[in-house]
Amino acid sequence: MAAFPNMWFSDAPNLAALHWLATDTLPHEAAEDWQAASLNREKLVFLQYK
């Protein structure tokens, strides 16, 4: 997904303002810093399954 952002931004320019995180490029050591998110029914969540 990180390789193709310009393709989506031309069709939906508002996407360019979002924070993008390519999780497949994170170092494995980053897992040690993981924290559970504080979620409730008022928060928007996007889940992507591969």
N, C-alpha and C. Protein backbone atom coordinates (compact mmCIF):
# COMPACT_ATOMS: atom_id res chain seq x y z
N MET A 1 0.82 -1.18 0.00
CA MET A 1 0.00 0.00 0.00
C MET A 1 0.87 1.26 0.00
N ALA A 2 1.94 1.24 0.74
CA ALA A 2 2.79 2.43 0.82
C ALA A 2 3.43 2.75 -0.53
N ALA A 3 3.52 1.77 -1.40
CA ALA A 3 4.15 1.99 -2.69
C ALA A 3 3.22 2.69 -3.68
N PHE A 4 1.92 2.75 -3.40
CA PHE A 4 0.96 3.28 -4.35
C PHE A 4 0.15 4.48 -3.87
N PRO A 5 0.61 5.27 -2.91
CA PRO A 5 -0.27 6.33 -2.39
C PRO A 5 -0.67 7.37 -3.42
N ASN A 6 0.21 7.74 -4.31
CA ASN A 6 -0.13 8.78 -5.29
C ASN A 6 -1.30 8.38 -6.17
N MET A 7 -1.43 7.09 -6.43
CA MET A 7 -2.54 6.60 -7.24
C MET A 7 -3.86 6.92 -6.54
N TRP A 8 -3.93 6.74 -5.22
CA TRP A 8 -5.16 7.01 -4.48
C TRP A 8 -5.35 8.49 -4.24
N PHE A 9 -4.27 9.23 -4.03
CA PHE A 9 -4.38 10.64 -3.72
C PHE A 9 -4.94 11.44 -4.89
N SER A 10 -4.66 11.03 -6.10
CA SER A 10 -5.19 11.76 -7.25
C SER A 10 -6.71 11.61 -7.34
N ASP A 11 -7.24 10.44 -6.93
CA ASP A 11 -8.68 10.21 -6.95
C ASP A 11 -9.37 10.72 -5.69
N ALA A 12 -8.64 10.76 -4.58
CA ALA A 12 -9.21 11.19 -3.30
C ALA A 12 -8.17 12.03 -2.56
N PRO A 13 -8.02 13.31 -2.90
CA PRO A 13 -6.98 14.15 -2.32
C PRO A 13 -7.03 14.27 -0.81
N ASN A 14 -8.18 14.07 -0.19
CA ASN A 14 -8.26 14.14 1.27
C ASN A 14 -7.45 13.04 1.95
N LEU A 15 -7.19 11.96 1.23
CA LEU A 15 -6.39 10.88 1.81
C LEU A 15 -4.95 11.33 2.08
N ALA A 16 -4.47 12.29 1.34
CA ALA A 16 -3.09 12.77 1.51
C ALA A 16 -2.89 13.43 2.87
N ALA A 17 -3.96 13.93 3.48
CA ALA A 17 -3.85 14.59 4.78
C ALA A 17 -3.79 13.60 5.94
N LEU A 18 -4.07 12.34 5.68
CA LEU A 18 -4.08 11.33 6.74
C LEU A 18 -2.66 10.87 7.06
N HIS A 19 -2.48 10.36 8.27
CA HIS A 19 -1.20 9.78 8.68
C HIS A 19 -1.17 8.34 8.19
N TRP A 20 -0.17 8.00 7.40
CA TRP A 20 -0.05 6.66 6.83
C TRP A 20 1.08 5.92 7.52
N LEU A 21 0.86 4.66 7.86
CA LEU A 21 1.87 3.84 8.51
C LEU A 21 1.89 2.48 7.83
N ALA A 22 2.99 2.19 7.15
CA ALA A 22 3.15 0.89 6.51
C ALA A 22 3.67 -0.08 7.56
N THR A 23 2.82 -0.91 8.09
CA THR A 23 3.20 -1.77 9.20
C THR A 23 4.16 -2.88 8.80
N ASP A 24 4.23 -3.19 7.52
CA ASP A 24 5.16 -4.24 7.09
C ASP A 24 6.60 -3.76 7.04
N THR A 25 6.83 -2.47 7.29
CA THR A 25 8.19 -1.94 7.27
C THR A 25 8.71 -1.64 8.68
N LEU A 26 7.90 -1.88 9.70
CA LEU A 26 8.32 -1.61 11.07
C LEU A 26 9.33 -2.67 11.52
N PRO A 27 10.34 -2.27 12.29
CA PRO A 27 11.28 -3.26 12.81
C PRO A 27 10.60 -4.15 13.86
N HIS A 28 11.02 -5.39 13.96
CA HIS A 28 10.42 -6.32 14.92
C HIS A 28 10.57 -5.83 16.36
N GLU A 29 11.63 -5.07 16.63
CA GLU A 29 11.85 -4.54 17.98
C GLU A 29 10.74 -3.58 18.41
N ALA A 30 10.04 -3.00 17.46
CA ALA A 30 8.96 -2.06 17.77
C ALA A 30 7.82 -2.74 18.52
N ALA A 31 7.71 -4.05 18.40
CA ALA A 31 6.65 -4.78 19.09
C ALA A 31 6.75 -4.63 20.60
N GLU A 32 7.96 -4.42 21.11
CA GLU A 32 8.16 -4.27 22.55
C GLU A 32 7.48 -2.99 23.07
N ASP A 33 7.28 -2.00 22.21
CA ASP A 33 6.67 -0.73 22.60
C ASP A 33 5.17 -0.69 22.39
N TRP A 34 4.58 -1.79 21.92
CA TRP A 34 3.15 -1.82 21.61
C TRP A 34 2.32 -1.58 22.87
N GLN A 35 1.25 -0.80 22.72
CA GLN A 35 0.31 -0.55 23.80
C GLN A 35 -1.10 -0.69 23.24
N ALA A 36 -1.96 -1.26 24.03
CA ALA A 36 -3.35 -1.40 23.60
C ALA A 36 -3.98 -0.02 23.47
N ALA A 37 -4.75 0.16 22.43
CA ALA A 37 -5.42 1.44 22.20
C ALA A 37 -6.61 1.60 23.13
N SER A 38 -6.88 2.83 23.50
CA SER A 38 -8.06 3.14 24.31
C SER A 38 -9.20 3.44 23.35
N LEU A 39 -10.06 2.46 23.12
CA LEU A 39 -11.14 2.61 22.15
C LEU A 39 -12.49 2.61 22.85
N ASN A 40 -13.42 3.31 22.23
CA ASN A 40 -14.81 3.28 22.67
C ASN A 40 -15.69 3.49 21.44
N ARG A 41 -16.98 3.49 21.62
CA ARG A 41 -17.89 3.58 20.47
C ARG A 41 -17.86 4.94 19.76
N GLU A 42 -17.19 5.94 20.34
CA GLU A 42 -17.10 7.26 19.73
C GLU A 42 -15.90 7.41 18.80
N LYS A 43 -15.02 6.43 18.76
CA LYS A 43 -13.79 6.53 17.96
C LYS A 43 -13.93 5.73 16.67
N LEU A 44 -13.38 6.29 15.62
CA LEU A 44 -13.39 5.63 14.32
C LEU A 44 -12.18 4.71 14.21
N VAL A 45 -12.40 3.51 13.76
CA VAL A 45 -11.32 2.53 13.63
C VAL A 45 -11.36 1.95 12.23
N PHE A 46 -10.20 1.78 11.64
CA PHE A 46 -10.09 1.14 10.32
C PHE A 46 -9.29 -0.12 10.48
N LEU A 47 -9.87 -1.24 10.12
CA LEU A 47 -9.19 -2.52 10.18
C LEU A 47 -8.97 -3.02 8.76
N GLN A 48 -7.76 -3.51 8.51
CA GLN A 48 -7.47 -4.06 7.20
C GLN A 48 -6.93 -5.46 7.39
N TYR A 49 -7.53 -6.40 6.71
CA TYR A 49 -7.09 -7.78 6.77
C TYR A 49 -6.46 -8.17 5.46
N LYS A 50 -5.44 -8.94 5.55
CA LYS A 50 -4.72 -9.36 4.34
C LYS A 50 -5.08 -10.78 4.01
